[in-house]
Protein backbone atom coordinates (compact mmCIF):
# COMPACT_ATOMS: atom_id res chain seq x y z
CA UNK A 1 -40.63 -77.59 164.84
CA UNK A 2 -39.35 -74.17 163.73
CA UNK A 3 -41.77 -71.14 164.20
CA UNK A 4 -43.17 -69.94 161.12
CA UNK A 5 -41.82 -66.87 159.74
CA UNK A 6 -44.02 -63.89 160.23
CA UNK A 7 -43.48 -62.50 156.81
CA UNK A 8 -45.52 -59.45 157.25
CA UNK A 9 -43.02 -58.51 160.45
CA UNK A 10 -39.99 -58.79 158.74
CA UNK A 11 -41.41 -56.81 155.59
CA UNK A 12 -42.63 -54.06 157.82
CA UNK A 13 -39.08 -54.14 159.69
CA UNK A 14 -37.12 -54.16 156.48
CA UNK A 15 -39.16 -51.24 155.11
CA UNK A 16 -38.12 -49.18 158.34
CA UNK A 17 -34.46 -49.86 158.58
CA UNK A 18 -32.85 -51.82 155.46
CA UNK A 19 -31.86 -49.91 152.53
CA UNK A 20 -31.24 -52.54 149.66
CA UNK A 21 -28.43 -52.21 146.96
CA UNK A 22 -29.35 -51.34 143.66
CA UNK A 23 -32.97 -50.76 144.56
CA UNK A 24 -36.07 -48.01 144.36
CA UNK A 25 -36.46 -47.43 147.84
CA UNK A 26 -40.01 -46.07 147.39
CA UNK A 27 -41.30 -48.55 145.20
CA UNK A 28 -39.88 -51.43 147.59
CA UNK A 29 -41.23 -49.80 150.35
CA UNK A 30 -44.64 -50.17 148.70
CA UNK A 31 -44.62 -53.76 147.42
CA UNK A 32 -42.52 -55.39 150.25
CA UNK A 33 -39.23 -57.50 150.00
CA UNK A 34 -39.58 -61.19 149.31
CA UNK A 35 -38.15 -62.77 152.29
CA UNK A 36 -35.72 -65.95 151.49
CA UNK A 37 -35.34 -68.47 154.66
CA UNK A 38 -33.47 -71.28 153.57
CA UNK A 39 -31.41 -72.81 150.70
CA UNK A 40 -30.50 -76.28 149.54
CA UNK A 41 -28.84 -77.74 146.31
CA UNK A 42 -29.88 -75.41 143.62
CA UNK A 43 -33.52 -74.30 145.32
CA UNK A 44 -34.00 -71.34 147.79
CA UNK A 45 -37.37 -71.10 150.00
CA UNK A 46 -39.32 -68.04 150.67
CA UNK A 47 -41.16 -67.36 154.08
CA UNK A 48 -44.57 -68.43 152.34
CA UNK A 49 -43.05 -72.00 151.79
CA UNK A 50 -42.40 -71.34 148.04
CA UNK A 51 -39.42 -73.34 146.37
CA UNK A 52 -37.59 -71.41 143.61
CA UNK A 53 -35.11 -72.68 141.02
CA UNK A 54 -32.19 -70.18 141.45
CA UNK A 55 -30.80 -69.91 137.91
CA UNK A 56 -28.61 -67.12 138.91
CA UNK A 57 -26.52 -68.89 141.71
CA UNK A 58 -27.77 -65.96 144.28
CA UNK A 59 -25.54 -63.48 142.49
CA UNK A 60 -23.31 -65.32 139.92
CA UNK A 61 -21.51 -66.96 143.06
CA UNK A 62 -22.87 -70.20 144.76
CA UNK A 63 -21.13 -72.18 142.27
CA UNK A 64 -21.21 -75.24 144.47
CA UNK A 65 -24.61 -74.98 145.54
CA UNK A 66 -26.43 -74.55 148.37
CA UNK A 67 -26.12 -76.41 152.06
CA UNK A 68 -22.66 -77.75 151.95
CA UNK A 69 -21.92 -78.99 155.31
CA UNK A 70 -18.11 -79.02 154.94
CA UNK A 71 -18.05 -75.33 154.13
CA UNK A 72 -20.01 -74.52 157.41
CA UNK A 73 -17.60 -76.76 159.33
CA UNK A 74 -14.30 -75.07 158.04
CA UNK A 75 -16.04 -71.61 159.17
CA UNK A 76 -16.79 -72.90 162.59
CA UNK A 77 -13.48 -74.43 163.01
CA UNK A 78 -11.35 -71.52 162.29
CA UNK A 79 -13.77 -69.23 164.12
CA UNK A 80 -13.03 -71.25 167.23
CA UNK A 81 -9.27 -71.33 166.54
CA UNK A 82 -8.56 -67.80 165.22
CA UNK A 83 -11.53 -65.72 164.48
CA UNK A 84 -9.94 -62.81 162.97
CA UNK A 85 -6.74 -61.04 163.33
CA UNK A 86 -5.21 -58.25 160.54
CA UNK A 87 -2.41 -58.93 158.10
CA UNK A 88 -1.00 -55.45 158.74
CA UNK A 89 2.42 -55.13 160.93
CA UNK A 90 3.96 -57.39 159.11
CA UNK A 91 1.56 -60.53 160.27
CA UNK A 92 -0.11 -63.29 158.53
CA UNK A 93 -2.31 -66.46 159.46
CA UNK A 94 -2.36 -70.10 158.18
CA UNK A 95 -5.51 -69.98 155.92
CA UNK A 96 -4.60 -66.82 154.32
CA UNK A 97 -1.13 -68.15 153.32
CA UNK A 98 -2.43 -71.34 152.14
CA UNK A 99 -4.87 -69.88 149.74
CA UNK A 100 -2.86 -67.46 148.36
CA UNK A 101 -0.64 -70.75 147.41
CA UNK A 102 -3.24 -72.49 146.33
CA UNK A 103 -4.74 -69.85 144.14
CA UNK A 104 -1.07 -69.62 142.44
CA UNK A 105 -1.48 -73.26 141.90
CA UNK A 106 -4.38 -72.93 140.36
CA UNK A 107 -3.80 -70.28 137.68
CA UNK A 108 -2.76 -71.33 134.59
CA UNK A 109 0.94 -70.65 133.46
CA UNK A 110 1.52 -67.72 131.07
CA UNK A 111 4.97 -67.67 131.11
CA UNK A 112 6.71 -64.11 132.42
CA UNK A 113 3.35 -63.21 133.63
CA UNK A 114 2.65 -66.14 135.75
CA UNK A 115 0.57 -65.58 138.84
CA UNK A 116 2.54 -66.37 142.38
CA UNK A 117 0.86 -63.58 144.51
CA UNK A 118 -2.33 -62.43 145.75
CA UNK A 119 -3.68 -59.30 147.13
CA UNK A 120 -6.84 -59.94 149.43
CA UNK A 121 -10.05 -57.86 149.63
CA UNK A 122 -13.37 -58.49 150.58
CA UNK A 123 -15.04 -58.00 147.47
CA UNK A 124 -14.77 -57.77 143.63
CA UNK A 125 -15.40 -53.83 143.89
CA UNK A 126 -12.45 -53.45 146.51
CA UNK A 127 -10.44 -55.55 144.22
CA UNK A 128 -10.97 -53.47 141.44
CA UNK A 129 -10.08 -50.34 143.60
CA UNK A 130 -6.86 -52.15 144.55
CA UNK A 131 -6.35 -52.55 140.86
CA UNK A 132 -6.38 -48.95 140.42
CA UNK A 133 -3.84 -48.43 142.96
CA UNK A 134 -1.79 -51.08 142.06
CA UNK A 135 -1.63 -50.17 138.41
CA UNK A 136 -0.41 -46.48 139.40
CA UNK A 137 1.93 -47.26 141.69
CA UNK A 138 3.77 -49.67 139.35
CA UNK A 139 4.00 -47.08 136.62
CA UNK A 140 5.01 -44.64 139.39
CA UNK A 141 7.89 -47.10 140.46
CA UNK A 142 8.90 -47.35 136.88
CA UNK A 143 9.58 -43.49 136.53
CA UNK A 144 6.43 -43.09 134.19
CA UNK A 145 3.89 -41.48 136.67
CA UNK A 146 2.07 -39.69 133.62
CA UNK A 147 0.75 -43.31 132.90
CA UNK A 148 -2.77 -43.03 135.04
CA UNK A 149 -5.54 -43.76 132.48
CA UNK A 150 -7.17 -46.98 132.54
CA UNK A 151 -9.63 -47.99 130.05
CA UNK A 152 -12.68 -49.71 130.35
CA UNK A 153 -15.77 -50.67 128.18
CA UNK A 154 -19.13 -49.15 127.89
CA UNK A 155 -21.77 -51.42 129.56
CA UNK A 156 -18.81 -53.27 131.67
CA UNK A 157 -19.26 -53.75 135.08
CA UNK A 158 -16.71 -53.56 137.89
CA UNK A 159 -18.48 -53.17 141.08
CA UNK A 160 -20.27 -50.03 142.53
CA UNK A 161 -17.50 -48.47 144.84
CA UNK A 162 -16.32 -44.88 143.37
CA UNK A 163 -13.60 -46.48 141.38
CA UNK A 164 -15.55 -49.53 140.54
CA UNK A 165 -18.22 -47.79 139.11
CA UNK A 166 -16.04 -45.64 137.24
CA UNK A 167 -14.02 -48.52 135.59
CA UNK A 168 -17.29 -49.97 134.34
CA UNK A 169 -19.20 -48.42 131.70
CA UNK A 170 -22.80 -48.45 133.19
CA UNK A 171 -24.67 -45.15 132.40
CA UNK A 172 -26.96 -45.18 134.88
CA UNK A 173 -24.25 -45.66 137.66
CA UNK A 174 -22.14 -42.76 136.19
CA UNK A 175 -25.35 -40.41 136.31
CA UNK A 176 -25.26 -40.59 140.00
CA UNK A 177 -22.30 -39.40 142.09
CA UNK A 178 -20.11 -37.41 139.19
CA UNK A 179 -18.47 -40.65 137.66
CA UNK A 180 -16.38 -41.74 136.29
CA UNK A 181 -13.56 -40.25 138.52
CA UNK A 182 -10.53 -38.74 136.39
CA UNK A 183 -8.71 -40.57 134.15
CA UNK A 184 -10.97 -43.40 133.53
CA UNK A 185 -12.42 -43.69 130.15
CA UNK A 186 -14.15 -46.17 127.84
CA UNK A 187 -14.60 -48.01 124.65
CA UNK A 188 -17.65 -49.66 123.42
CA UNK A 189 -18.75 -53.42 124.18
CA UNK A 190 -17.93 -56.30 121.77
CA UNK A 191 -21.76 -57.05 121.56
CA UNK A 192 -22.53 -58.60 117.76
CA UNK A 193 -25.95 -58.49 117.89
CA UNK A 194 -26.12 -54.73 118.56
CA UNK A 195 -23.00 -53.31 116.69
CA UNK A 196 -22.45 -55.81 113.94
CA UNK A 197 -22.83 -54.15 110.53
CA UNK A 198 -25.11 -56.26 108.19
CA UNK A 199 -23.25 -58.36 106.26
CA UNK A 200 -20.51 -58.63 108.84
CA UNK A 201 -19.36 -61.80 110.31
CA UNK A 202 -18.86 -62.20 113.92
CA UNK A 203 -14.80 -62.65 113.57
CA UNK A 204 -14.50 -59.48 111.45
CA UNK A 205 -16.91 -57.73 114.07
CA UNK A 206 -14.38 -59.23 116.95
CA UNK A 207 -11.52 -57.43 115.40
CA UNK A 208 -12.91 -54.47 114.51
CA UNK A 209 -14.19 -54.30 117.99
CA UNK A 210 -10.94 -54.86 119.55
CA UNK A 211 -9.50 -51.87 117.42
CA UNK A 212 -11.47 -49.98 119.19
CA UNK A 213 -8.86 -50.10 122.26
CA UNK A 214 -6.12 -49.08 119.82
CA UNK A 215 -8.05 -46.17 118.13
CA UNK A 216 -8.66 -44.96 121.94
CA UNK A 217 -4.85 -45.12 123.24
CA UNK A 218 -3.80 -43.29 119.91
CA UNK A 219 -6.47 -40.60 120.85
CA UNK A 220 -5.03 -40.39 124.39
CA UNK A 221 -1.35 -41.04 123.67
CA UNK A 222 0.06 -44.26 124.46
CA UNK A 223 2.51 -42.69 127.13
CA UNK A 224 -0.62 -41.93 129.21
CA UNK A 225 -2.31 -45.11 129.29
CA UNK A 226 -2.04 -47.42 132.08
CA UNK A 227 -4.20 -50.47 131.48
CA UNK A 228 -7.29 -51.90 130.05
CA UNK A 229 -9.62 -53.65 131.99
CA UNK A 230 -12.52 -55.92 131.04
CA UNK A 231 -14.57 -58.76 131.86
CA UNK A 232 -13.75 -61.94 129.64
CA UNK A 233 -17.66 -62.36 129.21
CA UNK A 234 -19.72 -59.52 130.51
CA UNK A 235 -22.16 -60.53 133.09
CA UNK A 236 -24.24 -57.66 134.58
CA UNK A 237 -24.11 -56.16 131.00
CA UNK A 238 -26.06 -59.23 130.00
CA UNK A 239 -23.76 -61.76 129.20
CA UNK A 240 -22.25 -60.42 126.16
CA UNK A 241 -19.95 -63.26 124.75
CA UNK A 242 -17.21 -61.43 122.69
CA UNK A 243 -16.39 -63.07 119.11
CA UNK A 244 -13.47 -65.83 119.04
CA UNK A 245 -10.99 -63.03 117.29
CA UNK A 246 -11.69 -60.52 120.14
CA UNK A 247 -9.02 -61.21 122.81
CA UNK A 248 -6.08 -62.17 120.85
CA UNK A 249 -6.29 -58.88 119.14
CA UNK A 250 -6.84 -57.13 122.38
CA UNK A 251 -3.68 -59.10 123.46
CA UNK A 252 -1.62 -57.80 120.52
CA UNK A 253 -2.70 -54.28 121.06
CA UNK A 254 -1.73 -54.01 124.82
CA UNK A 255 1.76 -56.08 124.01
CA UNK A 256 2.12 -53.37 121.32
CA UNK A 257 1.84 -50.65 123.48
CA UNK A 258 2.99 -51.89 126.92
CA UNK A 259 -0.06 -51.48 128.73
CA UNK A 260 -1.20 -53.73 131.71
CA UNK A 261 -4.08 -56.00 130.95
CA UNK A 262 -6.63 -56.52 133.77
CA UNK A 263 -8.84 -59.48 133.65
CA UNK A 264 -12.20 -59.20 135.83
CA UNK A 265 -12.95 -62.43 136.49
CA UNK A 266 -15.54 -61.97 139.55
CA UNK A 267 -18.22 -63.83 137.49
CA UNK A 268 -16.21 -65.90 135.21
CA UNK A 269 -13.45 -67.54 137.41
CA UNK A 270 -13.71 -70.98 139.28
CA UNK A 271 -15.20 -73.14 136.81
CA UNK A 272 -18.07 -71.02 135.54
CA UNK A 273 -16.62 -71.10 131.94
CA UNK A 274 -15.01 -74.49 132.41
CA UNK A 275 -11.66 -73.36 133.28
CA UNK A 276 -10.46 -72.28 136.83
CA UNK A 277 -9.89 -68.87 135.21
CA UNK A 278 -11.33 -67.56 132.18
CA UNK A 279 -8.02 -66.09 130.68
CA UNK A 280 -7.04 -69.55 129.91
CA UNK A 281 -10.47 -70.36 127.70
CA UNK A 282 -9.83 -67.09 125.64
CA UNK A 283 -6.05 -67.54 125.26
CA UNK A 284 -4.96 -64.10 126.68
CA UNK A 285 -2.02 -63.25 129.36
CA UNK A 286 -3.49 -60.76 132.00
CA UNK A 287 -1.12 -58.93 134.57
CA UNK A 288 -3.64 -58.81 136.87
CA UNK A 289 -6.93 -61.23 137.59
CA UNK A 290 -9.79 -59.58 139.79
CA UNK A 291 -11.40 -62.39 141.54
CA UNK A 292 -14.44 -62.87 144.34
CA UNK A 293 -17.82 -64.18 144.69
CA UNK A 294 -17.42 -67.99 143.59
CA UNK A 295 -14.01 -68.10 145.47
CA UNK A 296 -15.95 -69.05 148.52
CA UNK A 297 -19.46 -69.75 146.34
CA UNK A 298 -20.71 -66.49 148.04
CA UNK A 299 -20.69 -68.38 151.64
CA UNK A 300 -18.73 -65.69 153.22
CA UNK A 301 -17.37 -62.13 151.44
CA UNK A 302 -13.89 -62.76 150.11
CA UNK A 303 -12.30 -61.02 147.08
CA UNK A 304 -8.74 -60.22 145.60
CA UNK A 305 -6.51 -59.63 142.86
CA UNK A 306 -3.97 -62.21 141.38
CA UNK A 307 -0.82 -59.92 140.54
CA UNK A 308 1.36 -61.40 137.80
CA UNK A 309 4.97 -61.51 138.18
CA UNK A 310 5.28 -58.45 135.86
CA UNK A 311 3.62 -56.23 138.30
CA UNK A 312 4.50 -58.20 141.55
CA UNK A 313 8.57 -58.06 140.90
CA UNK A 314 8.33 -54.25 140.36
CA UNK A 315 6.49 -53.83 143.75
CA UNK A 316 8.81 -56.02 145.49
CA UNK A 317 12.03 -55.36 144.21
CA UNK A 318 11.46 -51.39 143.91
CA UNK A 319 10.35 -51.50 147.54
CA UNK A 320 8.84 -48.82 149.76
CA UNK A 321 5.45 -49.15 151.23
CA UNK A 322 2.53 -49.81 149.41
CA UNK A 323 -0.10 -47.46 151.19
CA UNK A 324 -3.42 -49.50 150.54
CA UNK A 325 -5.15 -52.42 152.15
CA UNK A 326 -8.01 -53.13 154.11
CA UNK A 327 -9.01 -54.31 157.81
CA UNK A 328 -10.45 -57.81 156.08
CA UNK A 329 -7.34 -58.40 153.86
CA UNK A 330 -6.67 -62.12 154.15
CA UNK A 331 -9.56 -62.69 156.64
CA UNK A 332 -8.66 -66.22 158.14
CA UNK A 333 -12.16 -67.26 158.53
CA UNK A 334 -13.35 -66.12 155.15
CA UNK A 335 -9.88 -68.07 153.77
CA UNK A 336 -10.67 -71.05 155.58
CA UNK A 337 -13.96 -71.43 153.86
CA UNK A 338 -12.21 -70.66 150.44
CA UNK A 339 -10.11 -73.44 150.87
CA UNK A 340 -13.03 -75.76 151.77
CA UNK A 341 -14.86 -74.33 148.88
CA UNK A 342 -12.11 -74.91 146.34
CA UNK A 343 -11.52 -78.31 147.73
CA UNK A 344 -14.95 -79.46 146.77
CA UNK A 345 -14.64 -77.73 142.88
CA UNK A 346 -11.52 -80.03 142.53
CA UNK A 347 -12.98 -83.08 143.79
CA UNK A 348 -15.79 -82.99 141.93
CA UNK A 349 -14.20 -81.71 139.06
CA UNK A 350 -16.79 -78.75 138.47
CA UNK A 351 -14.49 -76.96 135.99
CA UNK A 352 -14.11 -79.82 133.85
CA UNK A 353 -17.86 -81.02 134.21
CA UNK A 354 -18.80 -77.20 133.10
CA UNK A 355 -16.25 -77.88 129.77
CA UNK A 356 -17.14 -81.35 129.02
CA UNK A 357 -20.82 -81.95 130.29
CA UNK A 358 -23.52 -79.78 131.51
CA UNK A 359 -21.93 -76.87 129.69
CA UNK A 360 -22.37 -78.34 126.47
CA UNK A 361 -25.88 -79.58 127.43
CA UNK A 362 -27.10 -76.37 128.66
CA UNK A 363 -25.76 -74.92 125.03
CA UNK A 364 -27.68 -77.38 123.20
CA UNK A 365 -31.09 -76.93 125.34
CA UNK A 366 -30.36 -73.28 125.22
CA UNK A 367 -30.26 -73.17 121.67
CA UNK A 368 -33.72 -74.31 121.25
CA UNK A 369 -34.81 -71.04 122.59
CA UNK A 370 -34.11 -69.14 119.33
CA UNK A 371 -37.18 -70.91 117.98
CA UNK A 372 -39.39 -68.93 120.51
CA UNK A 373 -41.20 -66.10 118.55
CA UNK A 374 -39.92 -63.62 121.38
CA UNK A 375 -36.11 -64.70 121.25
CA UNK A 376 -34.00 -62.74 118.80
CA UNK A 377 -30.63 -64.50 119.63
CA UNK A 378 -29.66 -67.01 122.61
CA UNK A 379 -26.06 -67.93 123.62
CA UNK A 380 -24.08 -69.60 126.15
CA UNK A 381 -20.68 -69.44 127.12
CA UNK A 382 -19.72 -72.20 129.76
CA UNK A 383 -22.50 -72.21 132.48
CA UNK A 384 -23.89 -68.75 131.49
CA UNK A 385 -26.49 -67.82 129.20
CA UNK A 386 -28.13 -64.87 127.89
CA UNK A 387 -31.37 -64.40 125.28
CA UNK A 388 -32.55 -61.25 124.01
CA UNK A 389 -36.20 -60.41 123.71
CA UNK A 390 -37.48 -58.59 120.28
CA UNK A 391 -40.37 -57.17 118.77
CA UNK A 392 -39.60 -58.80 115.20
CA UNK A 393 -37.31 -61.77 114.97
CA UNK A 394 -36.74 -61.23 111.03
CA UNK A 395 -36.12 -57.42 111.50
CA UNK A 396 -34.39 -57.93 114.94
CA UNK A 397 -36.31 -54.78 115.99
CA UNK A 398 -36.27 -54.50 119.78
CA UNK A 399 -38.78 -53.31 122.26
CA UNK A 400 -39.35 -49.58 123.29
CA UNK A 401 -37.28 -49.87 126.51
CA UNK A 402 -39.86 -47.96 128.40
CA UNK A 403 -42.01 -51.18 128.04
CA UNK A 404 -39.92 -53.09 130.52
CA UNK A 405 -40.32 -56.15 128.44
CA UNK A 406 -37.59 -57.81 130.45
CA UNK A 407 -38.77 -56.90 133.59
CA UNK A 408 -42.54 -58.38 132.82
CA UNK A 409 -40.84 -61.65 131.83
CA UNK A 410 -38.58 -61.54 135.31
CA UNK A 411 -42.13 -60.98 137.09
CA UNK A 412 -43.38 -64.32 135.26
CA UNK A 413 -40.06 -65.90 136.29
CA UNK A 414 -40.48 -65.32 140.05
CA UNK A 415 -44.31 -65.96 140.11
CA UNK A 416 -43.62 -69.41 138.50
CA UNK A 417 -40.52 -70.75 140.76
CA UNK A 418 -37.49 -69.45 138.86
CA UNK A 419 -35.05 -66.76 139.26
CA UNK A 420 -33.92 -65.56 135.95
CA UNK A 421 -32.34 -61.91 135.95
CA UNK A 422 -33.46 -59.05 133.26
CA UNK A 423 -30.83 -56.71 131.98
CA UNK A 424 -32.87 -54.47 129.98
CA UNK A 425 -34.47 -56.74 127.59
CA UNK A 426 -31.76 -59.57 128.11
CA UNK A 427 -32.82 -62.63 130.17
CA UNK A 428 -29.76 -64.19 131.66
CA UNK A 429 -28.64 -66.94 133.97
CA UNK A 430 -25.41 -68.48 135.57
CA UNK A 431 -26.69 -71.62 137.52
CA UNK A 432 -25.03 -73.54 139.96
CA UNK A 433 -22.39 -75.68 138.69
CA UNK A 434 -23.59 -78.85 140.52
CA UNK A 435 -26.97 -78.87 138.33
CA UNK A 436 -27.97 -82.65 136.72
CA UNK A 437 -28.99 -82.82 133.12
CA UNK A 438 -32.45 -83.18 134.71
CA UNK A 439 -32.45 -80.05 136.64
CA UNK A 440 -31.33 -78.25 133.37
CA UNK A 441 -34.21 -79.54 131.73
CA UNK A 442 -36.41 -78.48 134.57
CA UNK A 443 -34.95 -75.04 134.32
CA UNK A 444 -35.49 -74.75 130.52
CA UNK A 445 -38.96 -75.93 130.90
CA UNK A 446 -39.84 -73.13 133.36
CA UNK A 447 -37.89 -70.71 130.86
CA UNK A 448 -40.13 -71.26 127.84
CA UNK A 449 -43.18 -71.41 130.30
CA UNK A 450 -42.29 -67.69 131.33
CA UNK A 451 -41.20 -66.82 127.73
CA UNK A 452 -44.72 -67.84 126.78
CA UNK A 453 -46.54 -65.91 129.34
CA UNK A 454 -44.58 -62.86 128.38
CA UNK A 455 -45.24 -63.44 124.65
CA UNK A 456 -48.91 -63.67 125.68
CA UNK A 457 -48.59 -60.24 127.47
CA UNK A 458 -47.21 -58.48 124.57
CA UNK A 459 -49.53 -59.69 122.35
CA UNK A 460 -52.73 -58.46 124.39
CA UNK A 461 -50.98 -55.05 125.21
CA UNK A 462 -50.05 -54.57 121.10
CA UNK A 463 -46.59 -54.44 121.83
CA UNK A 464 -45.95 -56.77 118.64
CA UNK A 465 -47.84 -54.49 116.16
């Protein structure tokens, strides 16, 4: 028998020594952190023995579910053979090389922009820092050093490093640290519920939203714009799913002005949207693809950038040292874990399963939430879902943000065995891709229960009046 965890002792040590990410340290020290101790399949357990259905796959990453022994075995075997060596000094290792080839084989062919090369990091944030360096190096080598500006989107998320947070459009992050850094700017997000006009179709809105990019390019001067970066579906911004017309129009615009296109797929790649990479689903042709998270299902940190031929050919043929990289670029253990993880995804056909089976089933069940008196809209794309909590369904009036209705709902989720994330008053999910129909039903029953509890709170406190 394993000894019981002394929750109070761990919480005391946590408060004394551990500064958590994206956390109000004072608030956490007053309430104490929840101590997670083990996980299996789609569930995690805390130190008090409570089982919780993890509808967020950890942090959008545990696509193959918890407890995969073959992944642990791959890490152990590689640690015993070559636990670490750097990829500086014209040196490589077997797992990093094989993984690069594997990723190139999985990336859908997009003609002259096909992906044959990979640049490794340890996270999505680092990968997007690498994108900034790589994009500017590309234009320098082409004799256009004035092309430095990268355009992102308001409410987009591209990490929390100085460059990553700057590329993203989160106002709370920009308020700390004098962000964004120079030569990064933003356009609005393609969020129809918030930005659509009365009587406007989603298709018409998609074209109008994409047009904001062209307006920004013309405002800045096309000869100064280096790239546009965006998530296929905005994740941390609240699962914002663009209209079908959006990405084709974005492609037309970047092609018209010769601007590089960066697809940040840290959340969307590796089956989450029913394809190995999300750009295939939406039919566009990026030059760079950011990846991390699900490449190892979160079992060990790994990130990187798929570098399309358009960029890679210039970097290689023009020559000269690219003065950028990381101690852990191409870490042999992380790459071995990724290979084992991708093997599971291929063997169990998880991308196809999301596209043809559990994705459609989740969409059907999630659609039912629109009938709830608290839900103004509910959408899914593949195996992500988002719904917005509203004060009045008929007028689509939202709650006062100071009420924190989303956090009230999240509290009910945690209290009733469900992990669901709140982004303002948008509640979002991104479950493991291994879920069964029965487990989806279990999750949906918990979601409805927590919505009912939140609605009762809103009624009792007069928030709906």
